[in-house]
Protein backbone atom coordinates (compact mmCIF):
# COMPACT_ATOMS: atom_id res chain seq x y z
CA UNK A 1 -1.97 38.24 -51.52
CA UNK A 2 -4.08 38.79 -54.62
CA UNK A 3 -2.91 37.35 -57.91
CA UNK A 4 -3.64 39.32 -61.06
CA UNK A 5 -3.65 37.83 -64.56
CA UNK A 6 -3.07 40.35 -67.34
CA UNK A 7 -1.70 40.56 -70.86
CA UNK A 8 2.05 40.82 -71.05
CA UNK A 9 3.51 44.22 -71.93
CA UNK A 10 6.80 45.17 -73.58
CA UNK A 11 8.28 46.19 -70.23
CA UNK A 12 7.65 42.66 -68.90
CA UNK A 13 10.13 41.11 -71.34
CA UNK A 14 13.20 41.13 -69.05
CA UNK A 15 11.27 39.24 -66.36
CA UNK A 16 9.71 36.90 -68.93
CA UNK A 17 13.13 36.00 -70.26
CA UNK A 18 14.32 35.34 -66.68
CA UNK A 19 11.44 32.91 -66.28
CA UNK A 20 12.17 31.30 -69.67
CA UNK A 21 15.71 30.67 -68.42
CA UNK A 22 14.35 29.24 -65.17
CA UNK A 23 12.20 26.86 -67.21
CA UNK A 24 15.21 25.84 -69.32
CA UNK A 25 17.16 24.99 -66.16
CA UNK A 26 14.22 22.89 -64.91
CA UNK A 27 14.09 21.12 -68.28
CA UNK A 28 17.84 20.43 -68.05
CA UNK A 29 18.68 22.54 -71.12
CA UNK A 30 19.83 26.00 -69.98
CA UNK A 31 22.30 26.28 -72.85
CA UNK A 32 19.45 26.02 -75.35
CA UNK A 33 18.11 29.53 -74.57
CA UNK A 34 19.86 31.65 -77.20
CA UNK A 35 17.20 34.24 -78.02
CA UNK A 36 18.35 37.83 -77.52
CA UNK A 37 16.31 40.37 -75.58
CA UNK A 38 15.92 42.53 -78.71
CA UNK A 39 14.62 39.60 -80.76
CA UNK A 40 12.29 38.53 -77.95
CA UNK A 41 10.82 42.02 -77.64
CA UNK A 42 10.50 42.52 -81.40
CA UNK A 43 8.80 39.14 -81.81
CA UNK A 44 6.18 39.93 -79.19
CA UNK A 45 5.76 43.70 -79.48
CA UNK A 46 7.10 44.74 -82.87
CA UNK A 47 4.92 45.67 -85.87
CA UNK A 48 4.14 41.99 -86.61
CA UNK A 49 4.02 40.09 -83.31
CA UNK A 50 4.26 36.31 -83.50
CA UNK A 51 3.65 35.55 -79.83
CA UNK A 52 1.32 36.76 -77.08
CA UNK A 53 1.41 36.11 -73.37
CA UNK A 54 -0.37 36.48 -70.08
CA UNK A 55 1.45 37.13 -66.84
CA UNK A 56 0.52 36.38 -63.25
CA UNK A 57 1.43 39.15 -60.83
CA UNK A 58 1.55 39.05 -57.07
CA UNK A 59 2.85 42.00 -55.04
CA UNK A 60 3.93 43.78 -58.26
CA UNK A 61 6.17 40.86 -59.26
CA UNK A 62 5.56 38.53 -62.19
CA UNK A 63 5.35 35.05 -60.67
CA UNK A 64 4.38 33.16 -63.82
CA UNK A 65 3.47 33.43 -67.47
CA UNK A 66 1.85 31.60 -70.36
CA UNK A 67 3.10 32.37 -73.86
CA UNK A 68 1.33 31.23 -77.01
CA UNK A 69 1.24 31.69 -80.74
CA UNK A 70 -1.18 30.78 -83.52
CA UNK A 71 -0.72 27.66 -85.61
CA UNK A 72 -2.79 26.70 -88.58
CA UNK A 73 -4.30 23.27 -89.09
CA UNK A 74 -5.53 22.45 -92.57
CA UNK A 75 -8.08 20.22 -90.88
CA UNK A 76 -9.24 22.51 -88.06
CA UNK A 77 -8.22 26.09 -88.89
CA UNK A 78 -6.45 28.34 -86.39
CA UNK A 79 -5.29 26.73 -83.17
CA UNK A 80 -3.51 28.09 -80.14
CA UNK A 81 -0.08 26.64 -79.50
CA UNK A 82 1.02 26.98 -75.89
CA UNK A 83 4.79 27.41 -76.10
CA UNK A 84 5.48 27.82 -72.40
CA UNK A 85 3.62 28.03 -69.14
CA UNK A 86 5.60 28.49 -65.96
CA UNK A 87 5.04 29.46 -62.38
CA UNK A 88 8.28 30.31 -60.61
CA UNK A 89 9.22 27.68 -58.06
CA UNK A 90 8.68 29.90 -55.01
CA UNK A 91 5.10 30.73 -56.09
CA UNK A 92 3.84 27.23 -56.85
CA UNK A 93 0.87 25.82 -55.00
CA UNK A 94 -1.13 29.07 -55.02
CA UNK A 95 -3.35 28.28 -58.01
CA UNK A 96 -1.40 30.53 -60.38
CA UNK A 97 -1.06 27.81 -63.01
CA UNK A 98 -4.81 27.25 -62.97
CA UNK A 99 -5.46 30.97 -63.35
CA UNK A 100 -3.06 31.23 -66.29
CA UNK A 101 -4.40 28.11 -67.99
CA UNK A 102 -7.98 29.26 -67.47
CA UNK A 103 -7.14 32.60 -69.10
CA UNK A 104 -5.63 30.77 -72.08
CA UNK A 105 -8.80 28.72 -72.52
CA UNK A 106 -10.86 31.91 -72.32
CA UNK A 107 -8.63 33.59 -74.94
CA UNK A 108 -8.86 30.60 -77.27
CA UNK A 109 -12.65 30.62 -77.06
CA UNK A 110 -12.83 34.41 -77.59
CA UNK A 111 -10.66 34.16 -80.70
CA UNK A 112 -12.51 31.15 -82.11
CA UNK A 113 -9.51 28.83 -82.05
CA UNK A 114 -10.46 25.21 -82.58
CA UNK A 115 -8.10 23.76 -79.97
CA UNK A 116 -5.06 24.36 -77.79
CA UNK A 117 -2.01 22.20 -78.32
CA UNK A 118 1.31 21.96 -76.51
CA UNK A 119 4.11 19.58 -75.57
CA UNK A 120 5.19 18.25 -72.22
CA UNK A 121 8.32 16.30 -71.40
CA UNK A 122 7.51 12.68 -70.59
CA UNK A 123 9.39 12.88 -67.27
CA UNK A 124 7.61 16.07 -66.10
CA UNK A 125 5.11 14.34 -63.82
CA UNK A 126 3.88 17.53 -62.06
CA UNK A 127 2.98 19.09 -65.42
CA UNK A 128 1.36 15.89 -66.71
CA UNK A 129 -0.72 15.66 -63.54
CA UNK A 130 -1.74 19.33 -63.96
CA UNK A 131 -2.84 18.80 -67.59
CA UNK A 132 -4.81 15.67 -66.72
CA UNK A 133 -7.05 17.85 -64.54
CA UNK A 134 -8.21 19.46 -67.80
CA UNK A 135 -8.88 16.11 -69.49
CA UNK A 136 -6.03 16.78 -71.92
CA UNK A 137 -5.47 14.17 -74.62
CA UNK A 138 -1.94 12.77 -74.63
CA UNK A 139 -1.08 11.66 -78.16
CA UNK A 140 1.52 8.92 -78.35
CA UNK A 141 1.14 8.54 -82.11
CA UNK A 142 2.99 11.63 -83.35
CA UNK A 143 6.75 12.16 -83.12
CA UNK A 144 8.38 15.56 -82.61
CA UNK A 145 10.52 16.51 -85.58
CA UNK A 146 12.75 19.52 -86.16
CA UNK A 147 15.86 20.65 -87.93
CA UNK A 148 18.35 23.16 -86.59
CA UNK A 149 19.44 25.94 -88.91
């Protein structure tokens, strides 16, 4: 079956949130997904969107997505931050991840972003292997830091 990559639309949000929850289960943190559907929709499709996404469709079903936002580097300028990329487990091995990642690279170039950055869990060997195909730089120097509010 043909796989189509397209920009996410407001009506895709319920399926996107399902996939976000699937990713959280895979990452052993399902309880961490606390965003509401209304907030998710408003953040992506309200008057001031803060995220954008591409979806991969096969047989009229979203099988994967890549969601990003814009960060600013005082050294480089605007950069794309890849928040999540996921292909649902039953659709893996069909090249969907490559299609999504390729579309992200294309988008970053079109928008003049200076780089794409993201995080990957150190135990997620399939993802690490996937990113190595793109000659991704793995930076062991920086630590992740956050505060919960």
